[in-house]
Amino acid sequence: MSRPYNNAVITDAGIDLLDKAQTGQASIQFTRMAAGSGIYTTEEKDPSVLRGSTGLKLGQDSYGLSSVDIMPDDGIKLTSLFTNQDPATGEVIITEGYYINEIGLYAREKGGSDDTEILYSITVATDDTGDYMPPYNGGPPAQIIQEYRCKVSNAAEVSIDLTGAGAAMLVEEAEARFQGLTDMIQGLIETDQGLAEMIQGLTETVQGLQEKQERDRADIDYIALMRGVDL
């Protein structure tokens, strides 16, 4: 079961970048998430202390971002795949397991160079240790679909860098979207079939009424003929 993490804290550098975005001087481009195994004391977990962070205590691995969703409360949700084997190349990423005690979200001004990247936000494990990432042992890779939520004003000026490893859409996300489209198409087909059946039923009802009307008219004509009445 996934272990909990504290609320993400925007760093001082992140606040500076956010101020630029709010005043229209820049757009924020999120570049990657990083996992680390650094140990934090209770005092170091305090938001006022974390705000001064410029990097992870003991960074281990970086992962590309696969999606960003704008939330209704001026926040964003970013998604990344933490794994011990690269899903695209098969390259082994992790040979020694570690606890993910800290997660960093990195960003830069859109269009800026790599050396302008800053630690935008950081979160640390609520308990002493976070989720465990095992070493790759040749079997199915360990994978954690990591979501990261943080506040961002002027959210329309946010983008993500999709050039890093792991930036491809997660398989689960692609399957979910495909299934959603499939369900929608099936719903439309069933709706069309339902409408076609309803129209067919109405048509048969109308035909039945017309046939009954013709029979009734024939009966009336016959009765009138027998009685010598001219209709």
Protein backbone atom coordinates (compact mmCIF):
# COMPACT_ATOMS: atom_id res chain seq x y z
CA MET A 1 0.00 0.00 0.00
CA SER A 2 1.28 3.46 -0.92
CA ARG A 3 2.68 5.45 1.99
CA PRO A 4 1.46 9.02 2.55
CA TYR A 5 3.43 12.16 1.83
CA ASN A 6 3.03 15.61 3.31
CA ASN A 7 1.50 18.44 1.32
CA ALA A 8 3.87 19.74 -1.33
CA VAL A 9 5.73 22.95 -0.49
CA ILE A 10 6.66 25.51 -3.15
CA THR A 11 10.29 26.52 -2.75
CA ASP A 12 11.60 30.08 -2.71
CA ALA A 13 12.87 29.59 -6.26
CA GLY A 14 9.44 28.23 -7.22
CA ILE A 15 7.75 31.28 -5.73
CA ASP A 16 10.01 33.56 -7.77
CA LEU A 17 9.11 31.69 -10.97
CA LEU A 18 5.42 31.75 -10.03
CA ASP A 19 5.60 35.52 -9.48
CA LYS A 20 6.99 35.92 -13.00
CA ALA A 21 4.17 33.80 -14.41
CA GLN A 22 1.54 35.80 -12.52
CA THR A 23 2.85 39.07 -13.94
CA GLY A 24 3.06 37.72 -17.48
CA GLN A 25 6.86 37.75 -17.61
CA ALA A 26 7.20 33.99 -18.07
CA SER A 27 5.40 30.70 -18.51
CA ILE A 28 6.16 27.77 -16.23
CA GLN A 29 7.39 24.58 -17.86
CA PHE A 30 7.59 21.58 -15.57
CA THR A 31 10.45 19.30 -16.58
CA ARG A 32 10.65 16.23 -14.34
CA MET A 33 10.10 14.59 -10.99
CA ALA A 34 12.97 13.31 -8.91
CA ALA A 35 12.95 10.67 -6.17
CA GLY A 36 15.34 10.68 -3.27
CA SER A 37 16.15 8.72 -0.13
CA GLY A 38 17.16 11.59 2.16
CA ILE A 39 16.13 11.38 5.80
CA TYR A 40 14.34 14.40 7.31
CA THR A 41 13.94 15.29 10.95
CA THR A 42 10.64 16.63 12.24
CA GLU A 43 12.09 20.15 12.16
CA GLU A 44 13.33 19.72 8.60
CA LYS A 45 9.85 18.63 7.48
CA ASP A 46 8.43 21.98 8.53
CA PRO A 47 7.19 23.91 5.44
CA SER A 48 9.17 27.00 6.44
CA VAL A 49 12.37 24.94 6.26
CA LEU A 50 11.47 23.00 3.11
CA ARG A 51 10.75 26.29 1.34
CA GLY A 52 14.47 27.02 1.28
CA SER A 53 15.35 23.74 -0.48
CA THR A 54 17.28 23.96 -3.73
CA GLY A 55 17.50 20.22 -4.35
CA LEU A 56 16.79 16.85 -2.77
CA LYS A 57 18.88 15.74 0.19
CA LEU A 58 19.89 12.48 -1.45
CA GLY A 59 18.58 12.34 -5.00
CA GLN A 60 18.39 8.91 -6.63
CA ASP A 61 16.51 8.96 -9.93
CA SER A 62 14.68 11.38 -12.23
CA TYR A 63 11.56 10.60 -14.22
CA GLY A 64 9.89 12.38 -17.09
CA LEU A 65 6.36 13.73 -16.86
CA SER A 66 3.53 12.09 -18.76
CA SER A 67 0.60 14.43 -18.16
CA VAL A 68 -0.57 17.60 -16.48
CA ASP A 69 -4.14 18.34 -15.46
CA ILE A 70 -5.44 21.75 -14.48
CA MET A 71 -7.49 21.51 -11.29
CA PRO A 72 -10.47 23.76 -10.50
CA ASP A 73 -8.77 25.25 -7.41
CA ASP A 74 -5.88 26.94 -9.29
CA GLY A 75 -3.77 23.84 -8.81
CA ILE A 76 -2.26 21.22 -11.08
CA LYS A 77 -1.83 17.45 -10.98
CA LEU A 78 1.23 16.02 -12.71
CA THR A 79 1.79 12.32 -13.37
CA SER A 80 5.00 10.37 -13.77
CA LEU A 81 5.96 6.70 -13.86
CA PHE A 82 8.51 5.73 -11.20
CA THR A 83 10.05 2.39 -12.15
CA ASN A 84 13.21 0.33 -11.79
CA GLN A 85 13.40 -0.52 -15.50
CA ASP A 86 12.94 1.83 -18.43
CA PRO A 87 9.70 0.70 -20.15
CA ALA A 88 10.87 1.93 -23.55
CA THR A 89 14.46 0.70 -23.71
CA GLY A 90 14.49 -2.10 -21.11
CA GLU A 91 17.49 -0.45 -19.45
CA VAL A 92 17.88 -1.25 -15.76
CA ILE A 93 17.45 1.96 -13.80
CA ILE A 94 17.80 0.78 -10.21
CA THR A 95 20.34 -1.79 -9.00
CA GLU A 96 20.09 -0.95 -5.29
CA GLY A 97 16.70 -0.50 -3.65
CA TYR A 98 15.82 2.54 -1.56
CA TYR A 99 12.93 4.22 0.20
CA ILE A 100 11.43 7.19 -1.62
CA ASN A 101 11.47 9.61 1.29
CA GLU A 102 11.44 12.78 -0.79
CA ILE A 103 10.02 13.79 -4.16
CA GLY A 104 10.96 16.95 -6.01
CA LEU A 105 9.18 18.68 -8.87
CA TYR A 106 11.47 20.63 -11.19
CA ALA A 107 10.62 23.48 -13.54
CA ARG A 108 12.06 26.33 -15.58
CA GLU A 109 10.86 29.24 -17.64
CA LYS A 110 9.38 27.94 -20.86
CA GLY A 111 12.03 28.19 -23.56
CA GLY A 112 14.81 28.43 -20.99
CA SER A 113 17.97 26.34 -21.06
CA ASP A 114 18.57 23.28 -18.90
CA ASP A 115 20.81 25.22 -16.51
CA THR A 116 17.89 27.46 -15.54
CA GLU A 117 15.96 24.53 -14.08
CA ILE A 118 15.00 24.93 -10.41
CA LEU A 119 13.41 22.80 -7.71
CA TYR A 120 9.90 24.21 -7.89
CA SER A 121 8.28 22.13 -5.15
CA ILE A 122 9.14 19.37 -2.71
CA THR A 123 7.25 16.83 -0.62
CA VAL A 124 8.57 14.42 2.00
CA ALA A 125 7.20 11.22 3.53
CA THR A 126 4.83 11.68 6.44
CA ASP A 127 6.43 8.76 8.28
CA ASP A 128 10.12 7.97 8.65
CA THR A 129 10.21 6.29 5.22
CA GLY A 130 8.19 6.48 2.04
CA ASP A 131 7.43 3.91 -0.66
CA TYR A 132 10.12 1.32 -1.33
CA MET A 133 11.61 1.08 -4.81
CA PRO A 134 13.29 -2.33 -5.17
CA PRO A 135 16.23 -3.12 -7.44
CA TYR A 136 15.39 -4.69 -10.77
CA ASN A 137 15.77 -8.47 -10.48
CA GLY A 138 14.97 -9.60 -14.01
CA GLY A 139 11.26 -10.14 -13.49
CA PRO A 140 8.38 -7.74 -14.09
CA PRO A 141 9.51 -4.19 -13.28
CA ALA A 142 8.28 -2.38 -10.18
CA GLN A 143 6.17 0.61 -11.15
CA ILE A 144 4.62 3.44 -9.18
CA ILE A 145 2.26 5.82 -10.95
CA GLN A 146 3.21 8.92 -9.03
CA GLU A 147 0.81 11.85 -8.92
CA TYR A 148 2.01 15.22 -7.69
CA ARG A 149 -0.35 18.04 -6.82
CA CYS A 150 0.61 21.62 -6.14
CA LYS A 151 -0.86 25.09 -6.27
CA VAL A 152 -0.26 27.24 -9.33
CA SER A 153 -1.99 30.51 -10.02
CA ASN A 154 -2.43 31.53 -13.65
CA ALA A 155 -2.62 27.80 -14.41
CA ALA A 156 -3.25 28.40 -18.11
CA GLU A 157 0.43 29.38 -18.43
CA VAL A 158 1.64 25.91 -17.40
CA SER A 159 3.15 23.26 -19.66
CA ILE A 160 5.32 20.16 -19.29
CA ASP A 161 8.48 19.00 -21.02
CA LEU A 162 7.77 15.72 -22.82
CA THR A 163 11.31 15.05 -24.01
CA GLY A 164 12.56 13.07 -21.03
CA ALA A 165 12.52 9.30 -20.50
CA GLY A 166 9.16 8.09 -19.34
CA ALA A 167 7.41 11.05 -20.92
CA ALA A 168 5.29 8.85 -23.14
CA MET A 169 1.70 8.48 -22.06
CA LEU A 170 1.39 5.84 -19.38
CA VAL A 171 -0.01 2.56 -20.62
CA GLU A 172 -2.77 2.68 -18.02
CA GLU A 173 -3.72 6.20 -19.04
CA ALA A 174 -3.76 5.28 -22.74
CA GLU A 175 -5.86 2.21 -22.06
CA ALA A 176 -8.28 4.24 -19.93
CA ARG A 177 -8.68 6.86 -22.64
CA PHE A 178 -9.11 4.20 -25.32
CA GLN A 179 -11.67 2.41 -23.20
CA GLY A 180 -13.50 5.67 -22.67
CA LEU A 181 -13.66 6.27 -26.42
CA THR A 182 -14.76 2.68 -26.98
CA ASP A 183 -17.53 3.01 -24.42
CA MET A 184 -18.66 6.28 -25.98
CA ILE A 185 -18.76 4.76 -29.47
CA GLN A 186 -20.61 1.70 -28.18
CA GLY A 187 -23.09 4.00 -26.46
CA LEU A 188 -23.70 5.85 -29.69
CA ILE A 189 -24.16 2.56 -31.56
CA GLU A 190 -26.62 1.31 -28.96
CA THR A 191 -28.44 4.64 -29.07
CA ASP A 192 -28.68 4.45 -32.86
CA GLN A 193 -29.91 0.86 -32.61
CA GLY A 194 -32.48 1.91 -30.03
CA LEU A 195 -33.68 4.75 -32.23
CA ALA A 196 -33.82 2.45 -35.25
CA GLU A 197 -35.86 -0.10 -33.31
CA MET A 198 -38.19 2.63 -32.03
CA ILE A 199 -38.67 4.02 -35.56
CA GLN A 200 -39.29 0.52 -36.86
CA GLY A 201 -41.88 -0.03 -34.14
CA LEU A 202 -43.62 3.25 -34.92
CA THR A 203 -43.60 2.43 -38.63
CA GLU A 204 -45.20 -0.96 -38.01
CA THR A 205 -47.80 0.68 -35.76
CA VAL A 206 -48.67 3.24 -38.42
CA GLN A 207 -48.89 0.50 -41.07
CA GLY A 208 -51.15 -1.51 -38.78
CA LEU A 209 -53.43 1.51 -38.25
CA GLN A 210 -53.55 2.16 -42.00
CA GLU A 211 -54.46 -1.47 -42.69
CA LYS A 212 -57.15 -1.38 -39.99
CA GLN A 213 -58.50 1.87 -41.43
CA GLU A 214 -58.70 0.28 -44.88
CA ARG A 215 -60.50 -2.78 -43.48
CA ASP A 216 -62.94 -0.60 -41.55
CA ARG A 217 -63.59 1.46 -44.67
CA ALA A 218 -64.23 -1.70 -46.68
CA ASP A 219 -66.65 -2.96 -44.05
CA ILE A 220 -68.50 0.36 -44.02
CA ASP A 221 -68.73 0.36 -47.83
CA TYR A 222 -70.06 -3.20 -47.78
CA ILE A 223 -72.69 -2.39 -45.15
CA ALA A 224 -73.75 0.73 -47.04
CA LEU A 225 -74.03 -1.25 -50.27
CA MET A 226 -76.21 -3.86 -48.60
CA ARG A 227 -78.50 -1.13 -47.21
CA GLY A 228 -78.56 0.84 -50.46
CA VAL A 229 -76.87 3.84 -48.93
CA ASP A 230 -74.63 5.95 -51.14
CA LEU A 231 -71.58 7.08 -49.12
